[in-house]
Amino acid sequence: MIPEKLLLKHGALVRHYEKGESIFSEGARASNYFQIKSGKIKMASINHEGKEVIQKVFHSGESFGEPPLLGDFRYPAGAETLSKTSILVLHKDAFKGLLNDTPELADHFFKLLVSRLRYKSKILTLVSQFKAKDRILRFLEMLAGEEALGEMSGCYKVKLSRQQIADSLGLRVETTIRAVKKLQAEGAIDIVAGKILMIESRINHRA
């Protein structure tokens, strides 16, 4: 994450959005760097069946939409807020100038792009090789392995809804709900107050 003061110093603006607002559309040209100050957004595309496919959900402190910005191609997915959200927005020319002037930031974004490619490769593998229940479990393990553990000691609280999990993996939400219940019955996950919890020891055991 780029420090907020540094972004503001280079001309970034803070824009505020309500839930359900579009940040940019699929097919639009990339002209700004986006970093979430508060809230969350989803990047999603529409497949050949007209169904929404979530590429990824981003939260406070994360940036999104960099590949088209740096590669100078159109967005392959749109971005929409999932809650009331504030975003730091910096024009691409100022962003590229910032990277040129700050080698450590350029290195950070190179590693970030590699990480995003790795994430997409993993999702494609899950969708192509595993049935619903195993696909969901491995997806949750992947999220737990890539993100920090939650507030409960030794646990990772899944931030995605059942619908968002389904949309990320090309599944029906009804199929996802049934699979999650089976995983809970098998002891692979816990559910507390409707939220899915991954236990660190189980993640490490499978790893």
N, C-alpha and C. Protein backbone atom coordinates (compact mmCIF):
# COMPACT_ATOMS: atom_id res chain seq x y z
N MET A 1 0.84 -1.19 0.00
CA MET A 1 0.00 0.00 0.00
C MET A 1 0.89 1.25 0.00
N ILE A 2 0.54 2.23 -0.83
CA ILE A 2 1.27 3.49 -0.86
C ILE A 2 0.76 4.37 0.29
N PRO A 3 1.65 4.94 1.10
CA PRO A 3 1.20 5.82 2.19
C PRO A 3 0.27 6.92 1.67
N GLU A 4 -0.80 7.18 2.40
CA GLU A 4 -1.79 8.16 1.97
C GLU A 4 -1.17 9.54 1.77
N LYS A 5 -0.28 9.95 2.68
CA LYS A 5 0.34 11.26 2.57
C LYS A 5 1.12 11.40 1.26
N LEU A 6 1.76 10.30 0.84
CA LEU A 6 2.54 10.34 -0.39
C LEU A 6 1.62 10.48 -1.60
N LEU A 7 0.51 9.78 -1.58
CA LEU A 7 -0.46 9.89 -2.68
C LEU A 7 -1.03 11.30 -2.76
N LEU A 8 -1.41 11.85 -1.62
CA LEU A 8 -1.98 13.20 -1.60
C LEU A 8 -0.95 14.22 -2.07
N LYS A 9 0.30 14.02 -1.69
CA LYS A 9 1.37 14.92 -2.09
C LYS A 9 1.52 14.95 -3.61
N HIS A 10 1.25 13.82 -4.27
CA HIS A 10 1.40 13.73 -5.72
C HIS A 10 0.08 14.01 -6.47
N GLY A 11 -0.91 14.51 -5.74
CA GLY A 11 -2.12 14.97 -6.42
C GLY A 11 -3.33 14.06 -6.32
N ALA A 12 -3.29 13.04 -5.47
CA ALA A 12 -4.43 12.13 -5.33
C ALA A 12 -5.62 12.85 -4.71
N LEU A 13 -6.80 12.42 -5.09
CA LEU A 13 -8.05 12.92 -4.51
C LEU A 13 -8.74 11.79 -3.78
N VAL A 14 -9.52 12.13 -2.76
CA VAL A 14 -10.32 11.14 -2.05
C VAL A 14 -11.75 11.23 -2.56
N ARG A 15 -12.25 10.14 -3.13
CA ARG A 15 -13.61 10.10 -3.65
C ARG A 15 -14.46 9.17 -2.78
N HIS A 16 -15.69 9.56 -2.56
CA HIS A 16 -16.59 8.81 -1.68
C HIS A 16 -17.73 8.19 -2.50
N TYR A 17 -18.04 6.94 -2.21
CA TYR A 17 -19.06 6.20 -2.95
C TYR A 17 -20.04 5.53 -1.99
N GLU A 18 -21.27 5.42 -2.43
CA GLU A 18 -22.27 4.63 -1.70
C GLU A 18 -22.19 3.18 -2.16
N LYS A 19 -22.81 2.29 -1.43
CA LYS A 19 -22.85 0.88 -1.82
C LYS A 19 -23.52 0.71 -3.18
N GLY A 20 -22.91 -0.12 -4.04
CA GLY A 20 -23.51 -0.42 -5.34
C GLY A 20 -23.13 0.54 -6.44
N GLU A 21 -22.22 1.47 -6.18
CA GLU A 21 -21.79 2.41 -7.22
C GLU A 21 -20.65 1.82 -8.05
N SER A 22 -20.64 2.15 -9.34
CA SER A 22 -19.60 1.68 -10.25
C SER A 22 -18.38 2.60 -10.17
N ILE A 23 -17.20 1.99 -10.07
CA ILE A 23 -15.95 2.74 -10.09
C ILE A 23 -15.48 2.85 -11.55
N PHE A 24 -15.51 1.75 -12.26
CA PHE A 24 -15.26 1.74 -13.70
C PHE A 24 -15.94 0.52 -14.30
N SER A 25 -16.17 0.56 -15.59
CA SER A 25 -16.89 -0.51 -16.27
C SER A 25 -15.94 -1.43 -17.04
N GLU A 26 -16.37 -2.66 -17.24
CA GLU A 26 -15.62 -3.60 -18.07
C GLU A 26 -15.48 -3.00 -19.47
N GLY A 27 -14.26 -2.99 -20.00
CA GLY A 27 -14.01 -2.44 -21.32
C GLY A 27 -13.59 -0.98 -21.34
N ALA A 28 -13.67 -0.31 -20.18
CA ALA A 28 -13.26 1.10 -20.11
C ALA A 28 -11.73 1.20 -20.11
N ARG A 29 -11.22 2.35 -20.52
CA ARG A 29 -9.78 2.59 -20.50
C ARG A 29 -9.34 2.95 -19.09
N ALA A 30 -8.17 2.45 -18.70
CA ALA A 30 -7.64 2.72 -17.37
C ALA A 30 -6.93 4.07 -17.36
N SER A 31 -7.35 4.94 -16.47
CA SER A 31 -6.74 6.26 -16.42
C SER A 31 -6.33 6.70 -15.02
N ASN A 32 -6.62 5.87 -14.00
CA ASN A 32 -6.31 6.24 -12.63
C ASN A 32 -5.82 5.05 -11.81
N TYR A 33 -5.03 5.36 -10.79
CA TYR A 33 -4.65 4.39 -9.77
C TYR A 33 -5.68 4.51 -8.64
N PHE A 34 -6.16 3.35 -8.15
CA PHE A 34 -7.17 3.33 -7.09
C PHE A 34 -6.64 2.60 -5.86
N GLN A 35 -6.80 3.22 -4.70
CA GLN A 35 -6.41 2.58 -3.43
C GLN A 35 -7.53 2.82 -2.41
N ILE A 36 -8.02 1.75 -1.82
CA ILE A 36 -9.17 1.85 -0.92
C ILE A 36 -8.75 2.41 0.43
N LYS A 37 -9.37 3.52 0.81
CA LYS A 37 -9.13 4.14 2.11
C LYS A 37 -10.00 3.47 3.18
N SER A 38 -11.25 3.20 2.82
CA SER A 38 -12.17 2.47 3.69
C SER A 38 -13.25 1.84 2.83
N GLY A 39 -13.81 0.72 3.31
CA GLY A 39 -14.85 0.02 2.55
C GLY A 39 -14.31 -1.15 1.76
N LYS A 40 -15.07 -1.62 0.77
CA LYS A 40 -14.64 -2.74 -0.06
C LYS A 40 -15.31 -2.67 -1.43
N ILE A 41 -14.64 -3.25 -2.42
CA ILE A 41 -15.17 -3.28 -3.78
C ILE A 41 -14.98 -4.68 -4.36
N LYS A 42 -15.74 -4.99 -5.39
CA LYS A 42 -15.55 -6.24 -6.13
C LYS A 42 -15.20 -5.90 -7.56
N MET A 43 -14.31 -6.70 -8.14
CA MET A 43 -14.07 -6.64 -9.57
C MET A 43 -14.72 -7.87 -10.18
N ALA A 44 -15.57 -7.66 -11.17
CA ALA A 44 -16.33 -8.76 -11.74
C ALA A 44 -16.52 -8.55 -13.23
N SER A 45 -16.64 -9.66 -13.95
CA SER A 45 -16.91 -9.63 -15.39
C SER A 45 -18.17 -10.45 -15.67
N ILE A 46 -18.67 -10.34 -16.86
CA ILE A 46 -19.87 -11.10 -17.28
C ILE A 46 -19.43 -12.15 -18.27
N ASN A 47 -19.77 -13.44 -18.00
CA ASN A 47 -19.34 -14.52 -18.90
C ASN A 47 -20.32 -14.66 -20.08
N HIS A 48 -20.07 -15.65 -20.93
CA HIS A 48 -20.85 -15.81 -22.15
C HIS A 48 -22.30 -16.19 -21.88
N GLU A 49 -22.59 -16.64 -20.63
CA GLU A 49 -23.96 -16.98 -20.26
C GLU A 49 -24.68 -15.80 -19.61
N GLY A 50 -23.99 -14.67 -19.52
CA GLY A 50 -24.58 -13.49 -18.90
C GLY A 50 -24.50 -13.51 -17.38
N LYS A 51 -23.70 -14.42 -16.82
CA LYS A 51 -23.58 -14.54 -15.37
C LYS A 51 -22.37 -13.75 -14.88
N GLU A 52 -22.54 -13.08 -13.75
CA GLU A 52 -21.43 -12.34 -13.16
C GLU A 52 -20.41 -13.30 -12.56
N VAL A 53 -19.15 -13.04 -12.84
CA VAL A 53 -18.05 -13.82 -12.26
C VAL A 53 -17.14 -12.86 -11.51
N ILE A 54 -17.05 -13.04 -10.19
CA ILE A 54 -16.21 -12.16 -9.38
C ILE A 54 -14.75 -12.55 -9.56
N GLN A 55 -13.95 -11.58 -9.97
CA GLN A 55 -12.52 -11.82 -10.12
C GLN A 55 -11.83 -11.75 -8.76
N LYS A 56 -12.21 -10.77 -7.95
CA LYS A 56 -11.63 -10.64 -6.62
C LYS A 56 -12.39 -9.56 -5.85
N VAL A 57 -12.38 -9.69 -4.52
CA VAL A 57 -12.93 -8.66 -3.65
C VAL A 57 -11.77 -7.99 -2.94
N PHE A 58 -11.77 -6.65 -2.94
CA PHE A 58 -10.68 -5.89 -2.34
C PHE A 58 -11.20 -5.10 -1.14
N HIS A 59 -10.34 -4.98 -0.12
CA HIS A 59 -10.74 -4.34 1.14
C HIS A 59 -9.86 -3.12 1.44
N SER A 60 -10.15 -2.49 2.58
CA SER A 60 -9.41 -1.29 3.00
C SER A 60 -7.90 -1.53 2.95
N GLY A 61 -7.17 -0.56 2.38
CA GLY A 61 -5.73 -0.65 2.31
C GLY A 61 -5.21 -1.30 1.04
N GLU A 62 -6.11 -1.91 0.26
CA GLU A 62 -5.68 -2.58 -0.97
C GLU A 62 -5.90 -1.67 -2.19
N SER A 63 -5.11 -1.89 -3.21
CA SER A 63 -5.29 -1.21 -4.49
C SER A 63 -5.86 -2.21 -5.49
N PHE A 64 -6.41 -1.68 -6.59
CA PHE A 64 -7.01 -2.58 -7.59
C PHE A 64 -6.94 -1.93 -8.96
N GLY A 65 -6.99 -2.78 -9.99
CA GLY A 65 -7.03 -2.28 -11.36
C GLY A 65 -5.69 -1.85 -11.93
N GLU A 66 -4.58 -2.31 -11.33
CA GLU A 66 -3.26 -1.88 -11.82
C GLU A 66 -2.84 -2.48 -13.15
N PRO A 67 -3.10 -3.77 -13.44
CA PRO A 67 -2.60 -4.34 -14.71
C PRO A 67 -3.00 -3.54 -15.95
N PRO A 68 -4.28 -3.16 -16.13
CA PRO A 68 -4.61 -2.36 -17.31
C PRO A 68 -3.97 -0.97 -17.28
N LEU A 69 -3.78 -0.43 -16.09
CA LEU A 69 -3.17 0.89 -15.95
C LEU A 69 -1.71 0.87 -16.41
N LEU A 70 -0.97 -0.17 -15.96
CA LEU A 70 0.44 -0.26 -16.30
C LEU A 70 0.66 -0.84 -17.70
N GLY A 71 -0.27 -1.69 -18.15
CA GLY A 71 -0.13 -2.32 -19.45
C GLY A 71 -0.81 -1.59 -20.58
N ASP A 72 -1.57 -0.54 -20.24
CA ASP A 72 -2.25 0.29 -21.23
C ASP A 72 -3.22 -0.53 -22.08
N PHE A 73 -4.08 -1.32 -21.41
CA PHE A 73 -5.17 -2.01 -22.10
C PHE A 73 -6.47 -1.79 -21.33
N ARG A 74 -7.59 -2.14 -21.93
CA ARG A 74 -8.89 -1.88 -21.32
C ARG A 74 -9.16 -2.84 -20.16
N TYR A 75 -10.00 -2.38 -19.22
CA TYR A 75 -10.33 -3.22 -18.07
C TYR A 75 -11.05 -4.49 -18.51
N PRO A 76 -10.55 -5.68 -18.08
CA PRO A 76 -11.24 -6.92 -18.41
C PRO A 76 -12.41 -7.20 -17.48
N ALA A 77 -12.59 -6.35 -16.46
CA ALA A 77 -13.69 -6.51 -15.51
C ALA A 77 -14.06 -5.13 -14.97
N GLY A 78 -15.28 -5.01 -14.47
CA GLY A 78 -15.72 -3.77 -13.86
C GLY A 78 -15.49 -3.79 -12.36
N ALA A 79 -15.54 -2.62 -11.73
CA ALA A 79 -15.38 -2.52 -10.28
C ALA A 79 -16.59 -1.81 -9.69
N GLU A 80 -17.12 -2.38 -8.60
CA GLU A 80 -18.33 -1.85 -7.96
C GLU A 80 -18.18 -1.93 -6.45
N THR A 81 -18.66 -0.92 -5.74
CA THR A 81 -18.56 -0.92 -4.28
C THR A 81 -19.53 -1.93 -3.66
N LEU A 82 -19.06 -2.58 -2.59
CA LEU A 82 -19.89 -3.52 -1.84
C LEU A 82 -20.36 -2.92 -0.52
N SER A 83 -19.91 -1.72 -0.23
CA SER A 83 -20.29 -1.00 0.98
C SER A 83 -20.00 0.47 0.74
N LYS A 84 -20.34 1.30 1.70
CA LYS A 84 -19.94 2.70 1.62
C LYS A 84 -18.42 2.74 1.59
N THR A 85 -17.84 3.41 0.61
CA THR A 85 -16.40 3.27 0.35
C THR A 85 -15.76 4.63 0.02
N SER A 86 -14.53 4.81 0.52
CA SER A 86 -13.72 5.97 0.16
C SER A 86 -12.47 5.47 -0.54
N ILE A 87 -12.12 6.10 -1.66
CA ILE A 87 -11.00 5.63 -2.48
C ILE A 87 -10.07 6.80 -2.80
N LEU A 88 -8.78 6.54 -2.65
CA LEU A 88 -7.75 7.49 -3.09
C LEU A 88 -7.53 7.28 -4.59
N VAL A 89 -7.65 8.34 -5.36
CA VAL A 89 -7.57 8.25 -6.83
C VAL A 89 -6.44 9.15 -7.32
N LEU A 90 -5.50 8.54 -8.04
CA LEU A 90 -4.36 9.28 -8.59
C LEU A 90 -4.27 9.05 -10.09
N HIS A 91 -4.18 10.13 -10.87
CA HIS A 91 -4.11 10.00 -12.33
C HIS A 91 -2.90 9.16 -12.72
N LYS A 92 -3.04 8.41 -13.81
CA LYS A 92 -2.00 7.45 -14.20
C LYS A 92 -0.65 8.10 -14.47
N ASP A 93 -0.64 9.31 -15.02
CA ASP A 93 0.63 9.97 -15.30
C ASP A 93 1.38 10.27 -14.00
N ALA A 94 0.64 10.74 -12.99
CA ALA A 94 1.25 11.02 -11.69
C ALA A 94 1.68 9.72 -11.02
N PHE A 95 0.87 8.67 -11.20
CA PHE A 95 1.21 7.36 -10.62
C PHE A 95 2.49 6.80 -11.23
N LYS A 96 2.59 6.86 -12.55
CA LYS A 96 3.80 6.35 -13.22
C LYS A 96 5.02 7.19 -12.85
N GLY A 97 4.82 8.49 -12.68
CA GLY A 97 5.91 9.34 -12.24
C GLY A 97 6.37 8.98 -10.84
N LEU A 98 5.40 8.66 -9.98
CA LEU A 98 5.72 8.24 -8.62
C LEU A 98 6.53 6.95 -8.62
N LEU A 99 6.17 6.01 -9.48
CA LEU A 99 6.92 4.75 -9.58
C LEU A 99 8.33 4.99 -10.10
N ASN A 100 8.46 5.88 -11.08
CA ASN A 100 9.79 6.18 -11.63
C ASN A 100 10.70 6.82 -10.58
N ASP A 101 10.09 7.63 -9.70
CA ASP A 101 10.86 8.34 -8.68
C ASP A 101 11.12 7.49 -7.44
N THR A 102 10.38 6.37 -7.30
CA THR A 102 10.47 5.57 -6.07
C THR A 102 10.67 4.10 -6.45
N PRO A 103 11.91 3.66 -6.66
CA PRO A 103 12.19 2.29 -7.11
C PRO A 103 11.58 1.21 -6.21
N GLU A 104 11.54 1.45 -4.90
CA GLU A 104 10.98 0.43 -4.00
C GLU A 104 9.49 0.22 -4.25
N LEU A 105 8.79 1.29 -4.66
CA LEU A 105 7.37 1.15 -5.00
C LEU A 105 7.21 0.39 -6.31
N ALA A 106 8.07 0.67 -7.27
CA ALA A 106 8.02 -0.05 -8.54
C ALA A 106 8.22 -1.54 -8.31
N ASP A 107 9.17 -1.88 -7.43
CA ASP A 107 9.42 -3.28 -7.12
C ASP A 107 8.21 -3.91 -6.43
N HIS A 108 7.58 -3.14 -5.55
CA HIS A 108 6.37 -3.63 -4.86
C HIS A 108 5.27 -3.97 -5.85
N PHE A 109 5.05 -3.10 -6.84
CA PHE A 109 3.96 -3.34 -7.78
C PHE A 109 4.30 -4.45 -8.76
N PHE A 110 5.56 -4.64 -9.05
CA PHE A 110 5.95 -5.79 -9.87
C PHE A 110 5.58 -7.08 -9.14
N LYS A 111 5.91 -7.15 -7.86
CA LYS A 111 5.58 -8.34 -7.06
C LYS A 111 4.06 -8.51 -6.91
N LEU A 112 3.37 -7.38 -6.80
CA LEU A 112 1.91 -7.43 -6.68
C LEU A 112 1.28 -8.01 -7.94
N LEU A 113 1.75 -7.59 -9.11
CA LEU A 113 1.21 -8.11 -10.37
C LEU A 113 1.47 -9.59 -10.51
N VAL A 114 2.65 -10.04 -10.09
CA VAL A 114 2.96 -11.47 -10.12
C VAL A 114 2.01 -12.23 -9.19
N SER A 115 1.73 -11.65 -8.02
CA SER A 115 0.82 -12.28 -7.07
C SER A 115 -0.59 -12.38 -7.63
N ARG A 116 -1.04 -11.32 -8.33
CA ARG A 116 -2.38 -11.35 -8.93
C ARG A 116 -2.48 -12.42 -10.02
N LEU A 117 -1.43 -12.57 -10.83
CA LEU A 117 -1.40 -13.62 -11.85
C LEU A 117 -1.45 -15.00 -11.21
N ARG A 118 -0.72 -15.15 -10.12
CA ARG A 118 -0.71 -16.42 -9.40
C ARG A 118 -2.09 -16.75 -8.85
N TYR A 119 -2.79 -15.76 -8.33
CA TYR A 119 -4.14 -15.93 -7.80
C TYR A 119 -5.08 -16.40 -8.90
N LYS A 120 -5.04 -15.74 -10.06
CA LYS A 120 -5.91 -16.12 -11.16
C LYS A 120 -5.61 -17.53 -11.66
N SER A 121 -4.33 -17.89 -11.68
CA SER A 121 -3.95 -19.24 -12.11
C SER A 121 -4.52 -20.29 -11.15
N LYS A 122 -4.48 -19.99 -9.86
CA LYS A 122 -5.02 -20.92 -8.87
C LYS A 122 -6.53 -21.09 -9.03
N ILE A 123 -7.23 -19.99 -9.27
CA ILE A 123 -8.68 -20.04 -9.45
C ILE A 123 -9.03 -20.90 -10.67
N LEU A 124 -8.32 -20.71 -11.77
CA LEU A 124 -8.56 -21.51 -12.97
C LEU A 124 -8.35 -22.99 -12.70
N THR A 125 -7.34 -23.31 -11.91
CA THR A 125 -7.07 -24.71 -11.56
C THR A 125 -8.21 -25.28 -10.73
N LEU A 126 -8.70 -24.52 -9.75
CA LEU A 126 -9.80 -24.98 -8.91
C LEU A 126 -11.05 -25.24 -9.74
N VAL A 127 -11.37 -24.31 -10.62
CA VAL A 127 -12.60 -24.43 -11.42
C VAL A 127 -12.52 -25.61 -12.38
N SER A 128 -11.35 -25.86 -12.92
CA SER A 128 -11.22 -26.89 -13.94
C SER A 128 -11.01 -28.30 -13.38
N GLN A 129 -10.51 -28.42 -12.16
CA GLN A 129 -10.09 -29.73 -11.66
C GLN A 129 -10.92 -30.30 -10.50
N PHE A 130 -11.69 -29.45 -9.80
CA PHE A 130 -12.33 -29.93 -8.58
C PHE A 130 -13.85 -29.75 -8.62
N LYS A 131 -14.54 -30.70 -7.96
CA LYS A 131 -15.98 -30.59 -7.81
C LYS A 131 -16.28 -29.56 -6.72
N ALA A 132 -17.56 -29.23 -6.58
CA ALA A 132 -17.98 -28.07 -5.78
C ALA A 132 -17.40 -28.05 -4.37
N LYS A 133 -17.56 -29.13 -3.61
CA LYS A 133 -17.14 -29.10 -2.20
C LYS A 133 -15.64 -28.90 -2.06
N ASP A 134 -14.85 -29.67 -2.81
CA ASP A 134 -13.39 -29.54 -2.74
C ASP A 134 -12.94 -28.20 -3.31
N ARG A 135 -13.65 -27.73 -4.33
CA ARG A 135 -13.31 -26.43 -4.93
C ARG A 135 -13.44 -25.33 -3.88
N ILE A 136 -14.54 -25.37 -3.14
CA ILE A 136 -14.79 -24.35 -2.11
C ILE A 136 -13.77 -24.45 -0.99
N LEU A 137 -13.51 -25.67 -0.51
CA LEU A 137 -12.56 -25.84 0.59
C LEU A 137 -11.18 -25.34 0.20
N ARG A 138 -10.71 -25.70 -0.96
CA ARG A 138 -9.39 -25.27 -1.40
C ARG A 138 -9.34 -23.76 -1.63
N PHE A 139 -10.45 -23.19 -2.08
CA PHE A 139 -10.52 -21.74 -2.26
C PHE A 139 -10.41 -21.04 -0.92
N LEU A 140 -11.13 -21.54 0.09
CA LEU A 140 -11.08 -20.94 1.42
C LEU A 140 -9.70 -21.08 2.04
N GLU A 141 -9.07 -22.22 1.82
CA GLU A 141 -7.70 -22.43 2.31
C GLU A 141 -6.73 -21.47 1.62
N MET A 142 -6.96 -21.25 0.35
CA MET A 142 -6.11 -20.32 -0.39
C MET A 142 -6.23 -18.90 0.17
N LEU A 143 -7.48 -18.47 0.44
CA LEU A 143 -7.68 -17.16 1.02
C LEU A 143 -7.04 -17.05 2.39
N ALA A 144 -7.20 -18.09 3.21
CA ALA A 144 -6.63 -18.09 4.56
C ALA A 144 -5.11 -18.05 4.51
N GLY A 145 -4.53 -18.71 3.52
CA GLY A 145 -3.08 -18.74 3.40
C GLY A 145 -2.49 -17.43 2.92
N GLU A 146 -3.29 -16.65 2.15
CA GLU A 146 -2.77 -15.42 1.56
C GLU A 146 -3.08 -14.19 2.38
N GLU A 147 -4.06 -14.30 3.31
CA GLU A 147 -4.44 -13.15 4.11
C GLU A 147 -4.13 -13.40 5.57
N ALA A 148 -4.11 -12.33 6.36
CA ALA A 148 -3.80 -12.46 7.78
C ALA A 148 -4.92 -13.20 8.51
N LEU A 149 -4.57 -13.83 9.64
CA LEU A 149 -5.58 -14.48 10.46
C LEU A 149 -6.50 -13.42 11.05
N GLY A 150 -7.73 -13.84 11.33
CA GLY A 150 -8.73 -12.90 11.84
C GLY A 150 -8.52 -12.52 13.29
N GLU A 151 -9.50 -11.84 13.84
CA GLU A 151 -9.39 -11.35 15.20
C GLU A 151 -9.39 -12.49 16.22
N MET A 152 -10.07 -13.58 15.91
CA MET A 152 -10.07 -14.72 16.81
C MET A 152 -8.75 -15.46 16.67
N SER A 153 -8.12 -15.75 17.77
CA SER A 153 -6.79 -16.37 17.76
C SER A 153 -6.81 -17.69 17.02
N GLY A 154 -5.89 -17.85 16.07
CA GLY A 154 -5.76 -19.11 15.35
C GLY A 154 -6.81 -19.35 14.30
N CYS A 155 -7.61 -18.32 13.97
CA CYS A 155 -8.70 -18.50 13.00
C CYS A 155 -8.60 -17.47 11.88
N TYR A 156 -9.15 -17.85 10.74
CA TYR A 156 -9.30 -16.91 9.64
C TYR A 156 -10.79 -16.77 9.35
N LYS A 157 -11.31 -15.55 9.49
CA LYS A 157 -12.73 -15.30 9.21
C LYS A 157 -12.88 -14.95 7.73
N VAL A 158 -13.63 -15.76 7.01
CA VAL A 158 -13.84 -15.53 5.58
C VAL A 158 -14.68 -14.26 5.40
N LYS A 159 -14.19 -13.35 4.58
CA LYS A 159 -14.86 -12.06 4.39
C LYS A 159 -15.94 -12.11 3.32
N LEU A 160 -15.97 -13.17 2.54
CA LEU A 160 -16.91 -13.27 1.42
C LEU A 160 -18.22 -13.91 1.85
N SER A 161 -19.31 -13.48 1.24
CA SER A 161 -20.61 -14.11 1.45
C SER A 161 -20.68 -15.40 0.64
N ARG A 162 -21.71 -16.20 0.91
CA ARG A 162 -21.89 -17.44 0.12
C ARG A 162 -22.07 -17.10 -1.36
N GLN A 163 -22.80 -16.01 -1.64
CA GLN A 163 -23.01 -15.60 -3.03
C GLN A 163 -21.70 -15.21 -3.68
N GLN A 164 -20.85 -14.49 -2.96
CA GLN A 164 -19.58 -14.06 -3.51
C GLN A 164 -18.63 -15.24 -3.74
N ILE A 165 -18.67 -16.22 -2.85
CA ILE A 165 -17.88 -17.44 -3.05
C ILE A 165 -18.35 -18.15 -4.31
N ALA A 166 -19.67 -18.28 -4.46
CA ALA A 166 -20.23 -18.92 -5.64
C ALA A 166 -19.82 -18.20 -6.92
N ASP A 167 -19.93 -16.87 -6.91
CA ASP A 167 -19.60 -16.08 -8.09
C ASP A 167 -18.11 -16.12 -8.41
N SER A 168 -17.28 -16.34 -7.40
CA SER A 168 -15.83 -16.43 -7.62
C SER A 168 -15.43 -17.76 -8.25
N LEU A 169 -16.25 -18.80 -8.03
CA LEU A 169 -15.88 -20.16 -8.45
C LEU A 169 -16.78 -20.72 -9.53
N GLY A 170 -17.68 -19.91 -10.07
CA GLY A 170 -18.55 -20.38 -11.13
C GLY A 170 -19.58 -21.39 -10.67
N LEU A 171 -20.09 -21.22 -9.44
CA LEU A 171 -21.06 -22.15 -8.87
C LEU A 171 -22.40 -21.44 -8.62
N ARG A 172 -23.46 -22.22 -8.48
CA ARG A 172 -24.74 -21.68 -8.05
C ARG A 172 -24.68 -21.46 -6.55
N VAL A 173 -25.37 -20.43 -6.06
CA VAL A 173 -25.31 -20.15 -4.63
C VAL A 173 -25.93 -21.29 -3.83
N GLU A 174 -26.96 -21.96 -4.39
CA GLU A 174 -27.57 -23.08 -3.68
C GLU A 174 -26.56 -24.22 -3.51
N THR A 175 -25.77 -24.46 -4.55
CA THR A 175 -24.73 -25.50 -4.48
C THR A 175 -23.69 -25.13 -3.43
N THR A 176 -23.33 -23.87 -3.39
CA THR A 176 -22.34 -23.40 -2.42
C THR A 176 -22.85 -23.55 -0.99
N ILE A 177 -24.09 -23.20 -0.75
CA ILE A 177 -24.66 -23.31 0.60
C ILE A 177 -24.66 -24.76 1.07
N ARG A 178 -25.06 -25.69 0.18
CA ARG A 178 -25.07 -27.12 0.54
C ARG A 178 -23.66 -27.62 0.83
N ALA A 179 -22.71 -27.20 0.00
CA ALA A 179 -21.32 -27.65 0.17
C ALA A 179 -20.73 -27.12 1.47
N VAL A 180 -21.03 -25.88 1.81
CA VAL A 180 -20.54 -25.29 3.06
C VAL A 180 -21.10 -26.05 4.26
N LYS A 181 -22.37 -26.42 4.19
CA LYS A 181 -22.96 -27.20 5.29
C LYS A 181 -22.29 -28.56 5.44
N LYS A 182 -21.96 -29.20 4.31
CA LYS A 182 -21.26 -30.49 4.36
C LYS A 182 -19.86 -30.34 4.95
N LEU A 183 -19.17 -29.27 4.57
CA LEU A 183 -17.83 -29.03 5.10
C LEU A 183 -17.87 -28.79 6.60
N GLN A 184 -18.92 -28.10 7.06
CA GLN A 184 -19.07 -27.88 8.49
C GLN A 184 -19.34 -29.21 9.21
N ALA A 185 -20.20 -30.04 8.64
CA ALA A 185 -20.52 -31.33 9.25
C ALA A 185 -19.30 -32.24 9.32
N GLU A 186 -18.41 -32.10 8.35
CA GLU A 186 -17.19 -32.91 8.31
C GLU A 186 -16.07 -32.33 9.18
N GLY A 187 -16.30 -31.16 9.76
CA GLY A 187 -15.30 -30.55 10.61
C GLY A 187 -14.19 -29.83 9.87
N ALA A 188 -14.39 -29.59 8.57
CA ALA A 188 -13.36 -28.92 7.78
C ALA A 188 -13.37 -27.41 8.03
N ILE A 189 -14.54 -26.87 8.39
CA ILE A 189 -14.67 -25.45 8.70
C ILE A 189 -15.57 -25.30 9.92
N ASP A 190 -15.56 -24.13 10.50
CA ASP A 190 -16.51 -23.77 11.55
C ASP A 190 -17.38 -22.63 11.04
N ILE A 191 -18.56 -22.50 11.59
CA ILE A 191 -19.44 -21.38 11.27
C ILE A 191 -19.90 -20.76 12.59
N VAL A 192 -19.59 -19.49 12.78
CA VAL A 192 -19.96 -18.76 13.99
C VAL A 192 -20.70 -17.49 13.58
N ALA A 193 -21.92 -17.35 14.08
CA ALA A 193 -22.75 -16.19 13.75
C ALA A 193 -22.88 -16.00 12.24
N GLY A 194 -22.98 -17.12 11.53
CA GLY A 194 -23.17 -17.09 10.09
C GLY A 194 -21.90 -16.90 9.28
N LYS A 195 -20.76 -16.67 9.95
CA LYS A 195 -19.49 -16.45 9.27
C LYS A 195 -18.67 -17.73 9.24
N ILE A 196 -18.03 -17.98 8.09
CA ILE A 196 -17.18 -19.16 7.94
C ILE A 196 -15.82 -18.89 8.57
N LEU A 197 -15.36 -19.83 9.40
CA LEU A 197 -14.04 -19.72 10.03
C LEU A 197 -13.16 -20.88 9.59
N MET A 198 -11.95 -20.55 9.21
CA MET A 198 -10.94 -21.56 8.91
C MET A 198 -10.00 -21.64 10.10
N ILE A 199 -9.75 -22.85 10.59
CA ILE A 199 -8.88 -23.03 11.75
C ILE A 199 -7.44 -23.20 11.27
N GLU A 200 -6.53 -22.45 11.89
CA GLU A 200 -5.14 -22.44 11.44
C GLU A 200 -4.53 -23.84 11.42
N SER A 201 -4.80 -24.65 12.45
CA SER A 201 -4.20 -25.98 12.52
C SER A 201 -4.67 -26.87 11.37
N ARG A 202 -5.92 -26.68 10.91
CA ARG A 202 -6.43 -27.47 9.79
C ARG A 202 -5.77 -27.04 8.49
N ILE A 203 -5.55 -25.73 8.36
CA ILE A 203 -4.88 -25.21 7.16
C ILE A 203 -3.47 -25.78 7.09
N ASN A 204 -2.76 -25.71 8.21
CA ASN A 204 -1.39 -26.20 8.24
C ASN A 204 -1.32 -27.70 8.03
N HIS A 205 -2.34 -28.41 8.55
CA HIS A 205 -2.37 -29.87 8.39
C HIS A 205 -2.48 -30.27 6.93
N ARG A 206 -3.35 -29.56 6.18
CA ARG A 206 -3.54 -29.87 4.76
C ARG A 206 -2.34 -29.44 3.95
N ALA A 207 -1.68 -28.36 4.39
CA ALA A 207 -0.54 -27.86 3.66
C ALA A 207 0.61 -28.87 3.71
